[in-house]
């Protein structure tokens, strides 16, 4: 079997049957060798999985019977742009080898990365009749790369935050106090009071930006304790229902069985609040927010915040966790990056998915606690 390194060349058709004298034993040996070293799947031309080796089952946390007959959307993390996936399919449909790195989602919601090579098997007419995907787990490497990038960015951000806290926050407090003193010296109904209120509001808004920056750059140590996730979601939902700005929204909690984690209650509350505020802002006026908590596996708790808004475009979704990226007129772009920092500090993951029927699902996976 020959696989050309150049993607512009078509691979030699894979010998397929007993007529190829001597091949069955050799193919069996090749299969055995691949299974020891790589994650292997074979699909038909429509992409339905026909074969999944033990390593595929192990990393995806799906049983073989759950994978066979499905396509690879079962492990799709919705991370890559649809244009990239379309190009992948165009490449292999032309009989060419595709190579790249893919981010997938296991059954328990955890994320893993694989270095992937997809090889088309061609018939006598040069048309693909099945595909073999050979993958290697590179999750540790990707996390290390992200960690190094994050550490470098945070070091710079921490220095900037220290300057901002000293050179901006302290003077703002003095300005705010001085403006309020001036307001106390003029009649209550004077026109200048409207200007004073506007100045104070803008100062408070700027202070909130500084607070967000400091929180992201210098998060505090976790205060770990048992957390009842259902109670947490119920409390957060009740608080939002009391907010006049959410009067037109329906907020529901869908969680019957007890679900628990070990974590920092205040930080987890901040994360859920942030996700709910994003959902509410995506549905100005009317819509539904649904909070769910489940335990898909013994080791994982899944929390989801789903809305019925317009959803998030691919380009935006790819950047929502980048610090300072925002689509809002007023916003620091630190809400979701900070939420991700908090969740990752708990040993979990957070990401955004399209909601079937329209809208967005913010999904958080955390280690479970009995």
Protein backbone atom coordinates (compact mmCIF):
# COMPACT_ATOMS: atom_id res chain seq x y z
CA UNK A 1 0.00 0.00 0.00
CA UNK A 2 1.45 3.36 -1.03
CA UNK A 3 0.38 6.72 0.34
CA UNK A 4 1.84 9.66 -1.54
CA UNK A 5 2.93 12.56 0.67
CA UNK A 6 1.77 15.09 -1.91
CA UNK A 7 -1.97 15.77 -1.50
CA UNK A 8 -2.22 16.60 -5.19
CA UNK A 9 -1.56 12.94 -6.04
CA UNK A 10 -4.17 10.23 -5.69
CA UNK A 11 -3.29 7.25 -3.51
CA UNK A 12 -2.91 3.80 -5.03
CA UNK A 13 -6.16 1.78 -4.65
CA UNK A 14 -6.16 -0.43 -1.56
CA UNK A 15 -6.23 -4.15 -2.50
CA UNK A 16 -9.62 -5.33 -1.40
CA UNK A 17 -10.18 -9.04 -1.66
CA UNK A 18 -8.99 -12.61 -1.64
CA UNK A 19 -8.03 -12.38 -5.28
CA UNK A 20 -4.98 -10.39 -4.21
CA UNK A 21 -2.88 -13.42 -3.33
CA UNK A 22 -0.90 -13.03 -0.13
CA UNK A 23 -2.48 -9.71 0.87
CA UNK A 24 -4.98 -10.81 3.55
CA UNK A 25 -2.22 -11.82 5.99
CA UNK A 26 -0.19 -8.70 5.29
CA UNK A 27 -3.21 -6.45 5.59
CA UNK A 28 -4.07 -8.08 8.89
CA UNK A 29 -0.57 -7.31 10.13
CA UNK A 30 -0.81 -3.70 8.93
CA UNK A 31 -4.17 -3.32 10.69
CA UNK A 32 -2.74 -4.77 13.90
CA UNK A 33 0.22 -2.37 13.78
CA UNK A 34 -2.03 0.64 13.13
CA UNK A 35 -4.35 -0.30 15.97
CA UNK A 36 -1.46 -0.31 18.43
CA UNK A 37 -0.30 3.17 17.50
CA UNK A 38 -3.19 5.20 16.13
CA UNK A 39 -6.87 6.06 16.34
CA UNK A 40 -8.37 4.41 13.28
CA UNK A 41 -11.78 4.63 11.65
CA UNK A 42 -13.06 3.45 8.29
CA UNK A 43 -16.16 5.02 6.74
CA UNK A 44 -18.17 4.37 3.61
CA UNK A 45 -18.31 6.96 0.85
CA UNK A 46 -21.19 8.74 2.62
CA UNK A 47 -19.10 9.08 5.78
CA UNK A 48 -20.85 6.42 7.89
CA UNK A 49 -18.46 4.67 10.25
CA UNK A 50 -17.90 1.00 9.38
CA UNK A 51 -14.92 0.33 11.62
CA UNK A 52 -13.65 1.93 14.83
CA UNK A 53 -10.64 0.55 16.66
CA UNK A 54 -10.20 0.39 20.43
CA UNK A 55 -8.24 3.65 20.60
CA UNK A 56 -11.08 5.48 18.85
CA UNK A 57 -13.55 4.14 21.41
CA UNK A 58 -11.20 4.99 24.26
CA UNK A 59 -10.59 8.62 23.31
CA UNK A 60 -14.17 9.33 22.19
CA UNK A 61 -15.68 7.49 25.19
CA UNK A 62 -18.27 5.95 22.88
CA UNK A 63 -18.82 2.22 22.63
CA UNK A 64 -18.16 0.62 19.27
CA UNK A 65 -21.85 -0.11 18.85
CA UNK A 66 -22.57 3.61 19.37
CA UNK A 67 -20.10 4.63 16.65
CA UNK A 68 -20.82 2.08 13.93
CA UNK A 69 -23.39 3.45 11.48
CA UNK A 70 -22.91 7.06 12.63
CA UNK A 71 -20.92 9.71 10.83
CA UNK A 72 -18.20 11.82 12.42
CA UNK A 73 -20.67 14.51 13.42
CA UNK A 74 -21.12 12.41 16.56
CA UNK A 75 -17.76 13.79 17.75
CA UNK A 76 -18.05 17.23 16.13
CA UNK A 77 -17.16 19.99 18.56
CA UNK A 78 -18.53 22.79 16.32
CA UNK A 79 -15.13 24.46 16.62
CA UNK A 80 -14.02 24.48 13.00
CA UNK A 81 -15.67 26.67 10.35
CA UNK A 82 -18.08 24.82 8.08
CA UNK A 83 -16.02 26.01 5.10
CA UNK A 84 -13.05 24.04 6.40
CA UNK A 85 -15.11 20.85 6.75
CA UNK A 86 -16.54 21.32 3.25
CA UNK A 87 -13.00 21.64 1.86
CA UNK A 88 -12.00 18.47 3.73
CA UNK A 89 -14.82 16.57 2.00
CA UNK A 90 -14.04 18.08 -1.40
CA UNK A 91 -10.42 17.00 -1.05
CA UNK A 92 -11.10 13.35 -0.20
CA UNK A 93 -13.99 13.12 -2.69
CA UNK A 94 -11.44 14.01 -5.39
CA UNK A 95 -9.39 11.01 -4.24
CA UNK A 96 -6.76 13.12 -2.52
CA UNK A 97 -5.32 12.69 0.96
CA UNK A 98 -6.36 15.29 3.55
CA UNK A 99 -4.14 16.21 6.51
CA UNK A 100 -4.85 18.56 9.37
CA UNK A 101 -5.58 19.03 13.07
CA UNK A 102 -9.14 18.61 14.33
CA UNK A 103 -10.78 19.43 17.64
CA UNK A 104 -13.35 16.80 18.64
CA UNK A 105 -15.77 16.29 21.52
CA UNK A 106 -16.02 13.02 23.47
CA UNK A 107 -19.28 11.56 24.75
CA UNK A 108 -18.78 13.12 28.19
CA UNK A 109 -18.33 16.59 26.67
CA UNK A 110 -14.54 16.72 27.05
CA UNK A 111 -12.47 18.14 24.21
CA UNK A 112 -9.60 16.39 22.49
CA UNK A 113 -7.36 17.24 19.53
CA UNK A 114 -6.15 14.83 16.86
CA UNK A 115 -3.58 15.10 14.10
CA UNK A 116 -5.55 13.55 11.25
CA UNK A 117 -4.80 11.93 7.91
CA UNK A 118 -7.77 10.78 5.80
CA UNK A 119 -6.92 8.39 2.96
CA UNK A 120 -9.45 7.59 0.21
CA UNK A 121 -9.58 4.00 -1.10
CA UNK A 122 -10.18 4.12 -4.85
CA UNK A 123 -11.97 1.66 -7.10
CA UNK A 124 -10.88 0.65 -10.61
CA UNK A 125 -12.40 3.87 -11.95
CA UNK A 126 -10.41 6.05 -9.58
CA UNK A 127 -13.46 6.89 -7.46
CA UNK A 128 -13.44 6.68 -3.64
CA UNK A 129 -15.46 3.79 -2.22
CA UNK A 130 -14.40 4.20 1.41
CA UNK A 131 -12.11 6.32 3.58
CA UNK A 132 -9.65 5.52 6.34
CA UNK A 133 -8.97 8.16 8.99
CA UNK A 134 -5.72 7.72 10.91
CA UNK A 135 -5.40 10.01 13.91
CA UNK A 136 -2.95 10.69 16.72
CA UNK A 137 -3.91 12.30 20.02
CA UNK A 138 -2.24 15.73 20.31
CA UNK A 139 -4.42 17.10 23.12
CA UNK A 140 -1.51 17.48 25.54
CA UNK A 141 0.56 19.33 22.96
CA UNK A 142 -2.28 21.70 22.06
CA UNK A 143 -2.96 22.45 25.72
CA UNK A 144 0.72 23.13 26.27
CA UNK A 145 0.80 25.49 23.30
CA UNK A 146 -2.31 27.30 24.52
CA UNK A 147 -0.87 27.48 28.02
CA UNK A 148 2.38 29.03 26.81
CA UNK A 149 0.50 31.56 24.69
CA UNK A 150 -1.84 32.33 27.55
CA UNK A 151 0.97 32.75 30.05
CA UNK A 152 2.80 35.20 27.79
CA UNK A 153 -0.37 37.19 27.18
CA UNK A 154 -1.31 37.18 30.86
CA UNK A 155 2.14 38.35 31.91
CA UNK A 156 1.78 41.38 29.65
CA UNK A 157 -1.83 41.91 30.71
CA UNK A 158 -0.92 41.66 34.39
CA UNK A 159 1.63 44.44 34.00
CA UNK A 160 -0.90 46.58 32.19
CA UNK A 161 -3.55 45.86 34.81
CA UNK A 162 -1.25 47.02 37.59
CA UNK A 163 -0.67 50.31 35.77
CA UNK A 164 -4.39 50.74 35.07
CA UNK A 165 -5.33 50.04 38.68
CA UNK A 166 -2.89 52.64 39.97
CA UNK A 167 -3.05 55.31 37.28
CA UNK A 168 -6.76 55.10 36.41
CA UNK A 169 -8.80 53.56 39.22
CA UNK A 170 -7.52 55.73 42.03
CA UNK A 171 -7.96 59.06 40.18
CA UNK A 172 -11.44 57.95 39.09
CA UNK A 173 -12.48 57.50 42.69
CA UNK A 174 -11.31 61.06 43.45
CA UNK A 175 -13.11 62.49 40.41
CA UNK A 176 -16.33 60.69 41.31
CA UNK A 177 -16.21 61.99 44.87
CA UNK A 178 -15.49 65.53 43.69
CA UNK A 179 -18.39 65.48 41.21
CA UNK A 180 -20.77 64.32 43.93
CA UNK A 181 -19.59 67.11 46.23
CA UNK A 182 -20.31 69.63 43.48
CA UNK A 183 -23.76 68.11 43.02
CA UNK A 184 -24.44 68.68 46.71
CA UNK A 185 -23.70 72.39 46.36
CA UNK A 186 -26.33 73.10 43.70
CA UNK A 187 -30.13 73.05 44.01
CA UNK A 188 -31.72 69.62 43.73
CA UNK A 189 -33.63 70.45 40.54
CA UNK A 190 -30.83 72.36 38.78
CA UNK A 191 -30.07 71.28 35.22
CA UNK A 192 -26.47 70.59 36.17
CA UNK A 193 -27.62 67.61 38.24
CA UNK A 194 -28.49 65.72 35.05
CA UNK A 195 -24.95 66.31 33.82
CA UNK A 196 -23.55 65.16 37.17
CA UNK A 197 -25.54 61.93 37.05
CA UNK A 198 -24.26 61.27 33.52
CA UNK A 199 -20.66 61.87 34.61
CA UNK A 200 -21.04 59.51 37.59
CA UNK A 201 -22.60 56.84 35.37
CA UNK A 202 -19.71 57.06 32.90
CA UNK A 203 -17.16 56.88 35.73
CA UNK A 204 -18.93 53.81 37.12
CA UNK A 205 -18.89 52.24 33.67
CA UNK A 206 -15.17 52.86 33.34
CA UNK A 207 -14.63 51.44 36.82
CA UNK A 208 -16.47 48.29 35.74
CA UNK A 209 -14.10 47.95 32.77
CA UNK A 210 -11.10 48.25 35.09
CA UNK A 211 -12.65 45.69 37.46
CA UNK A 212 -13.17 43.24 34.57
CA UNK A 213 -9.57 43.70 33.48
CA UNK A 214 -8.22 43.06 36.98
CA UNK A 215 -10.48 40.04 37.46
CA UNK A 216 -9.26 38.49 34.22
CA UNK A 217 -5.57 39.31 34.75
CA UNK A 218 -5.44 38.40 38.44
CA UNK A 219 -8.10 35.84 39.36
CA UNK A 220 -8.17 34.88 43.02
CA UNK A 221 -7.48 31.43 44.41
CA UNK A 222 -10.40 29.02 44.26
CA UNK A 223 -12.34 28.46 47.47
CA UNK A 224 -13.37 24.86 46.89
CA UNK A 225 -16.47 23.41 48.52
CA UNK A 226 -19.32 21.04 47.53
CA UNK A 227 -21.71 22.88 45.21
CA UNK A 228 -25.28 21.78 44.49
CA UNK A 229 -25.50 22.66 40.80
CA UNK A 230 -29.29 22.44 40.59
CA UNK A 231 -29.67 24.83 43.52
CA UNK A 232 -27.12 27.18 41.96
CA UNK A 233 -29.03 27.27 38.66
CA UNK A 234 -32.33 27.73 40.48
CA UNK A 235 -30.97 30.70 42.46
CA UNK A 236 -29.44 32.36 39.39
CA UNK A 237 -32.67 31.89 37.43
CA UNK A 238 -34.71 33.39 40.27
CA UNK A 239 -32.43 36.44 40.35
CA UNK A 240 -32.84 37.03 36.63
CA UNK A 241 -36.63 36.78 36.89
CA UNK A 242 -36.51 39.69 39.36
CA UNK A 243 -34.59 41.86 36.91
CA UNK A 244 -36.97 44.36 35.22
CA UNK A 245 -34.82 44.19 32.07
CA UNK A 246 -35.71 40.49 31.76
CA UNK A 247 -39.47 40.97 32.15
CA UNK A 248 -40.17 39.67 28.64
CA UNK A 249 -37.98 36.58 29.00
CA UNK A 250 -38.97 33.10 30.14
CA UNK A 251 -36.31 31.50 32.33
CA UNK A 252 -36.57 27.77 32.99
CA UNK A 253 -34.50 25.26 34.94
CA UNK A 254 -34.57 21.69 33.65
CA UNK A 255 -32.84 19.50 36.23
CA UNK A 256 -34.53 16.95 38.43
CA UNK A 257 -31.81 14.70 39.86
CA UNK A 258 -29.20 16.11 42.27
CA UNK A 259 -25.97 17.12 40.55
CA UNK A 260 -22.86 18.15 42.46
CA UNK A 261 -19.35 19.48 41.85
CA UNK A 262 -16.47 20.64 44.00
CA UNK A 263 -15.79 24.26 43.20
CA UNK A 264 -15.85 27.91 44.09
CA UNK A 265 -19.53 28.80 44.47
CA UNK A 266 -19.06 32.53 43.89
CA UNK A 267 -16.97 32.08 40.74
CA UNK A 268 -19.33 29.48 39.31
CA UNK A 269 -22.23 31.84 40.01
CA UNK A 270 -20.38 34.59 38.12
CA UNK A 271 -19.89 32.26 35.15
CA UNK A 272 -23.57 31.24 34.99
CA UNK A 273 -24.65 34.85 35.42
CA UNK A 274 -22.40 35.91 32.57
CA UNK A 275 -23.74 33.19 30.28
CA UNK A 276 -27.32 34.13 31.15
CA UNK A 277 -26.70 37.83 30.54
CA UNK A 278 -25.21 37.00 27.13
CA UNK A 279 -28.27 34.88 26.35
CA UNK A 280 -30.62 37.66 27.46
CA UNK A 281 -28.79 40.28 25.39
CA UNK A 282 -29.06 38.01 22.34
CA UNK A 283 -32.87 38.14 22.68
CA UNK A 284 -33.77 41.78 23.26
CA UNK A 285 -37.27 41.89 24.64
CA UNK A 286 -38.58 38.33 24.34
CA UNK A 287 -37.33 34.76 24.28
CA UNK A 288 -36.59 31.72 26.42
CA UNK A 289 -33.51 30.80 28.44
CA UNK A 290 -33.26 27.19 29.57
CA UNK A 291 -30.76 26.08 32.21
CA UNK A 292 -29.98 22.38 32.37
CA UNK A 293 -27.76 20.23 34.56
CA UNK A 294 -26.99 16.60 33.83
CA UNK A 295 -24.43 13.93 34.52
CA UNK A 296 -23.73 12.19 31.19
CA UNK A 297 -20.99 10.05 32.74
CA UNK A 298 -19.90 9.14 36.26
CA UNK A 299 -17.04 11.63 36.06
CA UNK A 300 -18.66 14.62 34.33
CA UNK A 301 -21.33 17.20 35.10
CA UNK A 302 -22.75 19.12 32.14
CA UNK A 303 -24.32 22.55 32.59
CA UNK A 304 -25.99 24.22 29.62
CA UNK A 305 -27.48 27.69 29.08
CA UNK A 306 -29.63 27.66 25.94
CA UNK A 307 -31.37 30.63 24.32
CA UNK A 308 -33.77 31.09 21.43
CA UNK A 309 -31.93 34.04 19.91
CA UNK A 310 -30.49 34.40 16.40
CA UNK A 311 -27.40 32.28 17.13
CA UNK A 312 -23.75 33.12 16.61
CA UNK A 313 -22.02 33.28 13.24
CA UNK A 314 -19.04 31.02 12.58
CA UNK A 315 -16.49 33.85 12.50
CA UNK A 316 -17.77 35.31 15.76
CA UNK A 317 -17.96 31.92 17.50
CA UNK A 318 -14.31 31.26 16.61
CA UNK A 319 -13.28 34.43 18.48
CA UNK A 320 -15.70 34.82 21.39
CA UNK A 321 -13.14 33.52 23.89
CA UNK A 322 -10.43 35.89 22.67
CA UNK A 323 -9.74 38.64 25.25
CA UNK A 324 -11.16 42.05 24.28
CA UNK A 325 -13.18 40.71 21.34
CA UNK A 326 -16.78 41.89 21.53
CA UNK A 327 -19.72 42.53 19.23
CA UNK A 328 -21.46 44.77 21.77
CA UNK A 329 -21.51 48.54 21.55
CA UNK A 330 -20.45 48.69 25.17
CA UNK A 331 -18.45 45.77 26.41
CA UNK A 332 -14.92 44.86 27.44
CA UNK A 333 -14.77 41.55 25.62
CA UNK A 334 -13.57 39.91 28.85
CA UNK A 335 -16.76 38.22 30.07
CA UNK A 336 -16.41 34.91 28.21
CA UNK A 337 -12.58 34.78 28.42
CA UNK A 338 -12.87 35.26 32.19
CA UNK A 339 -15.58 32.59 32.39
CA UNK A 340 -13.32 30.19 30.54
CA UNK A 341 -10.43 30.94 32.91
CA UNK A 342 -12.63 30.18 35.90
CA UNK A 343 -13.97 26.94 34.40
CA UNK A 344 -10.54 25.73 33.33
CA UNK A 345 -9.26 26.47 36.84
CA UNK A 346 -11.94 23.99 38.00
CA UNK A 347 -10.59 21.39 35.57
CA UNK A 348 -13.50 21.86 33.17
CA UNK A 349 -14.26 23.16 29.68
CA UNK A 350 -16.67 25.70 28.20
CA UNK A 351 -17.77 26.30 24.64
CA UNK A 352 -20.64 27.57 22.50
CA UNK A 353 -22.78 25.44 20.18
CA UNK A 354 -25.59 26.03 17.73
CA UNK A 355 -28.97 25.18 19.22
CA UNK A 356 -31.17 22.96 17.03
CA UNK A 357 -34.04 25.11 15.85
CA UNK A 358 -32.11 28.35 16.34
CA UNK A 359 -30.21 30.00 19.14
CA UNK A 360 -27.06 29.23 21.08
CA UNK A 361 -26.09 26.75 23.79
CA UNK A 362 -23.29 27.66 26.19
CA UNK A 363 -22.08 24.35 27.59
CA UNK A 364 -19.88 23.87 30.64
CA UNK A 365 -18.34 20.50 31.58
CA UNK A 366 -17.02 20.05 35.13
CA UNK A 367 -15.66 17.12 37.13
CA UNK A 368 -18.52 15.44 39.01
CA UNK A 369 -18.75 15.06 42.77
CA UNK A 370 -20.78 12.46 44.65
